[in-house]
Amino acid sequence: MDVERILDTKGRKVVTIRPDTPVAEAVSRLRAEGIGAMVVLSASGHLDGIISERDVVRGLARHSRAVLDLKVADLMTRSVATCSPKDTVKAVMAVMTERRVRHLPVVEAGQLLGIVSIGDVVKNRLDEMELEVNVLRDAYIVHR
């Protein structure tokens, strides 16, 4: 299975935010959307970074309540791991594990196409495992 299929199943909606947005607004949007991260895009649409709940917690530890007055650019992760629609789920899992990230923007030819989360990857693996079990069960019943 590849990332393209995950996007076909879950959709390609990506919640984005600008780097000059106040962190307080970013926190409100994360909660309102029920998501753990937003892709940070410049005014020209360039992928500048990603801001996650983890970034906000680190900022809170460093800046206390003043974190809410900072800009997204002050907290965001700038070195963003991305994946391609052609990447396998196994490859995405390896990147997430190695980089210790829970979200990967899907990019092709500089274009943001979607985002996959660790939850998407786990759901995909569980679906694959369920299919394998059903196939094996059916094969066992037929050959009995």
C-alpha atoms as a PDB file:
ATOM      1  CA  MET A   1       0.000   0.000   0.000  1.00  0.00           C
ATOM      2  CA  ASP A   2       1.233   3.493  -0.734  1.00  0.00           C
ATOM      3  CA  VAL A   3       0.515   6.998   0.558  1.00  0.00           C
ATOM      4  CA  GLU A   4      -1.660   7.774  -2.492  1.00  0.00           C
ATOM      5  CA  ARG A   5      -4.167   5.126  -1.392  1.00  0.00           C
ATOM      6  CA  ILE A   6      -4.278   6.504   2.133  1.00  0.00           C
ATOM      7  CA  LEU A   7      -5.065   9.953   0.712  1.00  0.00           C
ATOM      8  CA  ASP A   8      -7.730   8.454  -1.563  1.00  0.00           C
ATOM      9  CA  THR A   9      -9.382   6.953   1.521  1.00  0.00           C
ATOM     10  CA  LYS A  10      -9.021   9.769   4.056  1.00  0.00           C
ATOM     11  CA  GLY A  11      -9.108  12.778   1.758  1.00  0.00           C
ATOM     12  CA  ARG A  12      -6.591  15.417   0.815  1.00  0.00           C
ATOM     13  CA  LYS A  13      -7.660  18.272   3.048  1.00  0.00           C
ATOM     14  CA  VAL A  14      -4.716  19.965   4.731  1.00  0.00           C
ATOM     15  CA  VAL A  15      -5.222  22.622   7.379  1.00  0.00           C
ATOM     16  CA  THR A  16      -2.563  25.271   6.885  1.00  0.00           C
ATOM     17  CA  ILE A  17      -1.502  28.372   8.740  1.00  0.00           C
ATOM     18  CA  ARG A  18       0.764  31.335   8.034  1.00  0.00           C
ATOM     19  CA  PRO A  19       4.030  31.816   9.948  1.00  0.00           C
ATOM     20  CA  ASP A  20       3.010  35.286  11.165  1.00  0.00           C
ATOM     21  CA  THR A  21      -0.158  33.985  12.863  1.00  0.00           C
ATOM     22  CA  PRO A  22      -0.238  34.314  16.680  1.00  0.00           C
ATOM     23  CA  VAL A  23       0.261  31.038  18.543  1.00  0.00           C
ATOM     24  CA  ALA A  24      -3.006  31.646  20.424  1.00  0.00           C
ATOM     25  CA  GLU A  25      -4.876  31.466  17.107  1.00  0.00           C
ATOM     26  CA  ALA A  26      -2.949  28.343  16.083  1.00  0.00           C
ATOM     27  CA  VAL A  27      -3.912  26.622  19.347  1.00  0.00           C
ATOM     28  CA  SER A  28      -7.581  27.551  18.828  1.00  0.00           C
ATOM     29  CA  ARG A  29      -7.527  26.204  15.273  1.00  0.00           C
ATOM     30  CA  LEU A  30      -5.851  22.934  16.312  1.00  0.00           C
ATOM     31  CA  ARG A  31      -8.611  22.396  18.873  1.00  0.00           C
ATOM     32  CA  ALA A  32     -11.426  23.476  16.551  1.00  0.00           C
ATOM     33  CA  GLU A  33     -10.218  21.194  13.754  1.00  0.00           C
ATOM     34  CA  GLY A  34      -9.490  18.310  16.135  1.00  0.00           C
ATOM     35  CA  ILE A  35      -5.994  17.857  14.718  1.00  0.00           C
ATOM     36  CA  GLY A  36      -2.492  17.606  16.136  1.00  0.00           C
ATOM     37  CA  ALA A  37      -0.558  19.660  13.589  1.00  0.00           C
ATOM     38  CA  MET A  38      -0.871  22.254  10.846  1.00  0.00           C
ATOM     39  CA  VAL A  39       1.363  22.799   7.855  1.00  0.00           C
ATOM     40  CA  VAL A  40       2.894  26.281   7.847  1.00  0.00           C
ATOM     41  CA  LEU A  41       2.789  27.904   4.404  1.00  0.00           C
ATOM     42  CA  SER A  42       4.280  31.236   3.384  1.00  0.00           C
ATOM     43  CA  ALA A  43       2.158  33.795   1.537  1.00  0.00           C
ATOM     44  CA  SER A  44       3.544  32.382  -1.722  1.00  0.00           C
ATOM     45  CA  GLY A  45       2.489  28.834  -0.749  1.00  0.00           C
ATOM     46  CA  HIS A  46       5.974  27.568   0.129  1.00  0.00           C
ATOM     47  CA  LEU A  47       6.149  24.945   2.886  1.00  0.00           C
ATOM     48  CA  ASP A  48       7.941  26.804   5.701  1.00  0.00           C
ATOM     49  CA  GLY A  49       7.381  24.314   8.497  1.00  0.00           C
ATOM     50  CA  ILE A  50       4.873  22.484  10.627  1.00  0.00           C
ATOM     51  CA  ILE A  51       3.448  23.392  14.016  1.00  0.00           C
ATOM     52  CA  SER A  52       2.238  20.636  16.283  1.00  0.00           C
ATOM     53  CA  GLU A  53       0.848  20.286  19.763  1.00  0.00           C
ATOM     54  CA  ARG A  54       4.316  19.120  20.768  1.00  0.00           C
ATOM     55  CA  ASP A  55       5.829  22.413  19.517  1.00  0.00           C
ATOM     56  CA  VAL A  56       3.303  24.368  21.573  1.00  0.00           C
ATOM     57  CA  VAL A  57       4.047  22.349  24.724  1.00  0.00           C
ATOM     58  CA  ARG A  58       7.784  22.920  24.273  1.00  0.00           C
ATOM     59  CA  GLY A  59       7.088  26.640  23.793  1.00  0.00           C
ATOM     60  CA  LEU A  60       4.954  26.681  26.933  1.00  0.00           C
ATOM     61  CA  ALA A  61       7.792  25.104  28.912  1.00  0.00           C
ATOM     62  CA  ARG A  62      10.238  27.731  27.607  1.00  0.00           C
ATOM     63  CA  HIS A  63       8.076  30.874  27.562  1.00  0.00           C
ATOM     64  CA  SER A  64       5.259  30.141  30.006  1.00  0.00           C
ATOM     65  CA  ARG A  65       2.046  32.082  29.245  1.00  0.00           C
ATOM     66  CA  ALA A  66       3.901  34.453  26.934  1.00  0.00           C
ATOM     67  CA  VAL A  67       3.923  31.626  24.373  1.00  0.00           C
ATOM     68  CA  LEU A  68       0.443  32.693  23.271  1.00  0.00           C
ATOM     69  CA  ASP A  69       1.781  36.088  22.158  1.00  0.00           C
ATOM     70  CA  LEU A  70       4.502  34.559  19.977  1.00  0.00           C
ATOM     71  CA  LYS A  71       4.101  33.907  16.255  1.00  0.00           C
ATOM     72  CA  VAL A  72       3.835  30.450  14.727  1.00  0.00           C
ATOM     73  CA  ALA A  73       7.254  31.027  13.131  1.00  0.00           C
ATOM     74  CA  ASP A  74       8.761  31.264  16.625  1.00  0.00           C
ATOM     75  CA  LEU A  75       7.693  27.719  17.554  1.00  0.00           C
ATOM     76  CA  MET A  76       7.278  25.766  14.323  1.00  0.00           C
ATOM     77  CA  THR A  77       9.524  22.940  13.255  1.00  0.00           C
ATOM     78  CA  ARG A  78      11.408  24.204  10.220  1.00  0.00           C
ATOM     79  CA  SER A  79      13.108  20.998   9.134  1.00  0.00           C
ATOM     80  CA  VAL A  80      10.000  19.190   7.949  1.00  0.00           C
ATOM     81  CA  ALA A  81      10.099  15.543   6.964  1.00  0.00           C
ATOM     82  CA  THR A  82       7.820  14.955   3.979  1.00  0.00           C
ATOM     83  CA  CYS A  83       6.766  12.005   1.891  1.00  0.00           C
ATOM     84  CA  SER A  84       5.631  11.385  -1.659  1.00  0.00           C
ATOM     85  CA  PRO A  85       2.330   9.864  -2.787  1.00  0.00           C
ATOM     86  CA  LYS A  86       4.353   6.937  -4.162  1.00  0.00           C
ATOM     87  CA  ASP A  87       6.053   6.159  -0.828  1.00  0.00           C
ATOM     88  CA  THR A  88       5.066   2.892   0.802  1.00  0.00           C
ATOM     89  CA  VAL A  89       3.401   2.806   4.200  1.00  0.00           C
ATOM     90  CA  LYS A  90       6.436   0.890   5.461  1.00  0.00           C
ATOM     91  CA  ALA A  91       8.756   3.721   4.337  1.00  0.00           C
ATOM     92  CA  VAL A  92       6.513   6.338   5.964  1.00  0.00           C
ATOM     93  CA  MET A  93       6.498   4.356   9.213  1.00  0.00           C
ATOM     94  CA  ALA A  94      10.293   4.248   9.142  1.00  0.00           C
ATOM     95  CA  VAL A  95      10.568   8.030   8.651  1.00  0.00           C
ATOM     96  CA  MET A  96       8.064   8.719  11.431  1.00  0.00           C
ATOM     97  CA  THR A  97       9.961   6.424  13.786  1.00  0.00           C
ATOM     98  CA  GLU A  98      13.411   7.713  12.872  1.00  0.00           C
ATOM     99  CA  ARG A  99      12.450  11.397  12.997  1.00  0.00           C
ATOM    100  CA  ARG A 100      10.063  10.944  15.948  1.00  0.00           C
ATOM    101  CA  VAL A 101       7.243  12.762  14.149  1.00  0.00           C
ATOM    102  CA  ARG A 102       3.551  12.030  13.962  1.00  0.00           C
ATOM    103  CA  HIS A 103       2.658  13.946  10.785  1.00  0.00           C
ATOM    104  CA  LEU A 104       4.158  13.971   7.287  1.00  0.00           C
ATOM    105  CA  PRO A 105       3.055  16.424   4.621  1.00  0.00           C
ATOM    106  CA  VAL A 106       2.680  14.705   1.250  1.00  0.00           C
ATOM    107  CA  VAL A 107       4.573  16.685  -1.392  1.00  0.00           C
ATOM    108  CA  GLU A 108       5.179  16.082  -5.074  1.00  0.00           C
ATOM    109  CA  ALA A 109       7.003  18.469  -7.413  1.00  0.00           C
ATOM    110  CA  GLY A 110       6.861  21.157  -4.721  1.00  0.00           C
ATOM    111  CA  GLN A 111       3.073  20.871  -4.431  1.00  0.00           C
ATOM    112  CA  LEU A 112       1.372  20.054  -1.103  1.00  0.00           C
ATOM    113  CA  LEU A 113      -1.039  17.189  -1.828  1.00  0.00           C
ATOM    114  CA  GLY A 114      -2.115  16.099   1.640  1.00  0.00           C
ATOM    115  CA  ILE A 115      -0.873  15.010   5.031  1.00  0.00           C
ATOM    116  CA  VAL A 116      -0.616  11.616   6.710  1.00  0.00           C
ATOM    117  CA  SER A 117      -0.587  11.074  10.447  1.00  0.00           C
ATOM    118  CA  ILE A 118       0.557   8.181  12.558  1.00  0.00           C
ATOM    119  CA  GLY A 119      -3.141   7.403  13.066  1.00  0.00           C
ATOM    120  CA  ASP A 120      -3.652   7.094   9.301  1.00  0.00           C
ATOM    121  CA  VAL A 121      -0.682   4.737   9.059  1.00  0.00           C
ATOM    122  CA  VAL A 122      -1.830   2.575  11.976  1.00  0.00           C
ATOM    123  CA  LYS A 123      -5.373   2.375  10.563  1.00  0.00           C
ATOM    124  CA  ASN A 124      -3.963   1.329   7.202  1.00  0.00           C
ATOM    125  CA  ARG A 125      -1.831  -1.417   8.775  1.00  0.00           C
ATOM    126  CA  LEU A 126      -4.775  -2.705  10.844  1.00  0.00           C
ATOM    127  CA  ASP A 127      -6.966  -2.811   7.713  1.00  0.00           C
ATOM    128  CA  GLU A 128      -4.244  -4.726   5.840  1.00  0.00           C
ATOM    129  CA  MET A 129      -3.838  -7.193   8.706  1.00  0.00           C
ATOM    130  CA  GLU A 130      -7.595  -7.760   8.906  1.00  0.00           C
ATOM    131  CA  LEU A 131      -7.701  -8.457   5.166  1.00  0.00           C
ATOM    132  CA  GLU A 132      -4.815 -10.941   5.466  1.00  0.00           C
ATOM    133  CA  VAL A 133      -6.529 -12.761   8.349  1.00  0.00           C
ATOM    134  CA  ASN A 134      -9.786 -12.987   6.383  1.00  0.00           C
ATOM    135  CA  VAL A 135      -8.000 -14.336   3.295  1.00  0.00           C
ATOM    136  CA  LEU A 136      -6.148 -16.936   5.361  1.00  0.00           C
ATOM    137  CA  ARG A 137      -9.363 -17.939   7.175  1.00  0.00           C
ATOM    138  CA  ASP A 138     -11.219 -18.299   3.862  1.00  0.00           C
ATOM    139  CA  ALA A 139      -8.369 -20.335   2.373  1.00  0.00           C
ATOM    140  CA  TYR A 140      -8.331 -22.606   5.428  1.00  0.00           C
ATOM    141  CA  ILE A 141     -12.098 -23.169   5.297  1.00  0.00           C
ATOM    142  CA  VAL A 142     -12.051 -23.938   1.545  1.00  0.00           C
ATOM    143  CA  HIS A 143      -9.148 -26.396   1.804  1.00  0.00           C
ATOM    144  CA  ARG A 144     -10.459 -28.246   4.819  1.00  0.00           C
END
